[in-house]
Amino acid sequence: MMVCLDADCVIYFVERNPDWGPTLTARIAAVRAAGDSIAASDLVRTECLTGPLAKGDTALVSDYQTFFADPTLKMLPLTSAVCE
């Protein structure tokens, strides 16, 4: 099974949102422990980086770049099939 994360999930996970961060961390760990994969699209990357880039928050940009560079994360190119 592949679990595709939307931007909100990635933002809460990377930014360690106090309400949703722990839940997402546990869920991602459970998915990986079950042998399933985690994916995100290039559009999710764009949505996540928009705020930090606009604010010049280089530390947060770096956190997102680390997340998206994780070799266990499958990045889905933005194609019409992904959009549909």
C-alpha atoms as a PDB file:
ATOM      1  CA  MET A   1       0.000   0.000   0.000  1.00  0.00           C
ATOM      2  CA  MET A   2       1.113   3.574  -0.627  1.00  0.00           C
ATOM      3  CA  VAL A   3      -0.023   6.421   1.613  1.00  0.00           C
ATOM      4  CA  CYS A   4       0.034   9.782  -0.173  1.00  0.00           C
ATOM      5  CA  LEU A   5       0.442  12.766   2.118  1.00  0.00           C
ATOM      6  CA  ASP A   6      -1.178  16.078   1.369  1.00  0.00           C
ATOM      7  CA  ALA A   7       0.460  19.405   2.204  1.00  0.00           C
ATOM      8  CA  ASP A   8      -1.320  19.789   5.535  1.00  0.00           C
ATOM      9  CA  CYS A   9       0.029  16.465   6.778  1.00  0.00           C
ATOM     10  CA  VAL A  10       3.576  17.306   5.706  1.00  0.00           C
ATOM     11  CA  ILE A  11       3.378  20.784   7.247  1.00  0.00           C
ATOM     12  CA  TYR A  12       2.091  19.429  10.572  1.00  0.00           C
ATOM     13  CA  PHE A  13       4.758  16.709  10.562  1.00  0.00           C
ATOM     14  CA  VAL A  14       7.739  18.868   9.585  1.00  0.00           C
ATOM     15  CA  GLU A  15       6.747  21.837  11.725  1.00  0.00           C
ATOM     16  CA  ARG A  16       5.920  19.542  14.664  1.00  0.00           C
ATOM     17  CA  ASN A  17       2.424  20.929  15.122  1.00  0.00           C
ATOM     18  CA  PRO A  18       1.533  20.331  18.800  1.00  0.00           C
ATOM     19  CA  ASP A  19      -1.961  19.064  17.967  1.00  0.00           C
ATOM     20  CA  TRP A  20      -1.366  16.938  14.868  1.00  0.00           C
ATOM     21  CA  GLY A  21       2.423  16.385  14.758  1.00  0.00           C
ATOM     22  CA  PRO A  22       2.492  13.467  17.214  1.00  0.00           C
ATOM     23  CA  THR A  23      -0.421  11.755  15.470  1.00  0.00           C
ATOM     24  CA  LEU A  24       1.241  12.069  12.069  1.00  0.00           C
ATOM     25  CA  THR A  25       4.603  10.927  13.406  1.00  0.00           C
ATOM     26  CA  ALA A  26       2.980   7.806  14.868  1.00  0.00           C
ATOM     27  CA  ARG A  27       0.961   7.130  11.720  1.00  0.00           C
ATOM     28  CA  ILE A  28       3.957   7.510   9.400  1.00  0.00           C
ATOM     29  CA  ALA A  29       5.986   5.194  11.645  1.00  0.00           C
ATOM     30  CA  ALA A  30       3.162   2.628  11.600  1.00  0.00           C
ATOM     31  CA  VAL A  31       2.873   2.777   7.813  1.00  0.00           C
ATOM     32  CA  ARG A  32       6.605   2.245   7.398  1.00  0.00           C
ATOM     33  CA  ALA A  33       6.660  -0.531  10.022  1.00  0.00           C
ATOM     34  CA  ALA A  34       3.955  -2.334   8.049  1.00  0.00           C
ATOM     35  CA  GLY A  35       6.215  -2.230   4.992  1.00  0.00           C
ATOM     36  CA  ASP A  36       4.049   0.284   3.181  1.00  0.00           C
ATOM     37  CA  SER A  37       5.389   3.379   1.503  1.00  0.00           C
ATOM     38  CA  ILE A  38       4.867   7.095   1.983  1.00  0.00           C
ATOM     39  CA  ALA A  39       4.505   9.404  -1.021  1.00  0.00           C
ATOM     40  CA  ALA A  40       3.971  13.072  -1.780  1.00  0.00           C
ATOM     41  CA  SER A  41       3.625  14.978  -5.014  1.00  0.00           C
ATOM     42  CA  ASP A  42       5.697  17.827  -6.373  1.00  0.00           C
ATOM     43  CA  LEU A  43       2.659  20.029  -5.784  1.00  0.00           C
ATOM     44  CA  VAL A  44       2.829  19.211  -2.058  1.00  0.00           C
ATOM     45  CA  ARG A  45       6.482  20.285  -2.070  1.00  0.00           C
ATOM     46  CA  THR A  46       5.486  23.598  -3.677  1.00  0.00           C
ATOM     47  CA  GLU A  47       2.676  24.196  -1.170  1.00  0.00           C
ATOM     48  CA  CYS A  48       4.942  23.435   1.793  1.00  0.00           C
ATOM     49  CA  LEU A  49       7.795  25.673   0.673  1.00  0.00           C
ATOM     50  CA  THR A  50       5.720  28.712  -0.329  1.00  0.00           C
ATOM     51  CA  GLY A  51       5.384  30.165   3.183  1.00  0.00           C
ATOM     52  CA  PRO A  52       8.941  29.558   4.413  1.00  0.00           C
ATOM     53  CA  LEU A  53      10.448  30.908   1.171  1.00  0.00           C
ATOM     54  CA  ALA A  54       8.253  34.020   1.279  1.00  0.00           C
ATOM     55  CA  LYS A  55       9.293  34.664   4.893  1.00  0.00           C
ATOM     56  CA  GLY A  56      12.964  33.922   4.226  1.00  0.00           C
ATOM     57  CA  ASP A  57      12.891  31.189   6.878  1.00  0.00           C
ATOM     58  CA  THR A  58      15.972  29.276   5.738  1.00  0.00           C
ATOM     59  CA  ALA A  59      15.906  26.901   8.707  1.00  0.00           C
ATOM     60  CA  LEU A  60      12.375  25.770   7.898  1.00  0.00           C
ATOM     61  CA  VAL A  61      13.194  25.515   4.180  1.00  0.00           C
ATOM     62  CA  SER A  62      16.070  23.241   5.179  1.00  0.00           C
ATOM     63  CA  ASP A  63      13.731  21.102   7.303  1.00  0.00           C
ATOM     64  CA  TYR A  64      11.412  20.665   4.327  1.00  0.00           C
ATOM     65  CA  GLN A  65      14.295  19.906   1.971  1.00  0.00           C
ATOM     66  CA  THR A  66      15.448  17.214   4.385  1.00  0.00           C
ATOM     67  CA  PHE A  67      11.954  15.724   4.507  1.00  0.00           C
ATOM     68  CA  PHE A  68      11.549  15.685   0.724  1.00  0.00           C
ATOM     69  CA  ALA A  69      15.059  14.266   0.208  1.00  0.00           C
ATOM     70  CA  ASP A  70      14.347  11.242   2.424  1.00  0.00           C
ATOM     71  CA  PRO A  71      15.064   8.194   0.246  1.00  0.00           C
ATOM     72  CA  THR A  72      12.110   6.346   1.788  1.00  0.00           C
ATOM     73  CA  LEU A  73       9.692   9.026   0.540  1.00  0.00           C
ATOM     74  CA  LYS A  74       8.382   8.408  -2.949  1.00  0.00           C
ATOM     75  CA  MET A  75       8.026  11.679  -4.811  1.00  0.00           C
ATOM     76  CA  LEU A  76       5.284  11.708  -7.421  1.00  0.00           C
ATOM     77  CA  PRO A  77       5.847  14.023 -10.375  1.00  0.00           C
ATOM     78  CA  LEU A  78       2.990  16.369 -11.085  1.00  0.00           C
ATOM     79  CA  THR A  79       1.261  14.763 -14.025  1.00  0.00           C
ATOM     80  CA  SER A  80      -2.363  14.778 -15.108  1.00  0.00           C
ATOM     81  CA  ALA A  81      -2.700  11.246 -13.669  1.00  0.00           C
ATOM     82  CA  VAL A  82      -1.510  12.428 -10.253  1.00  0.00           C
ATOM     83  CA  CYS A  83      -3.858  15.420 -10.370  1.00  0.00           C
ATOM     84  CA  GLU A  84      -6.815  13.185 -11.193  1.00  0.00           C
END
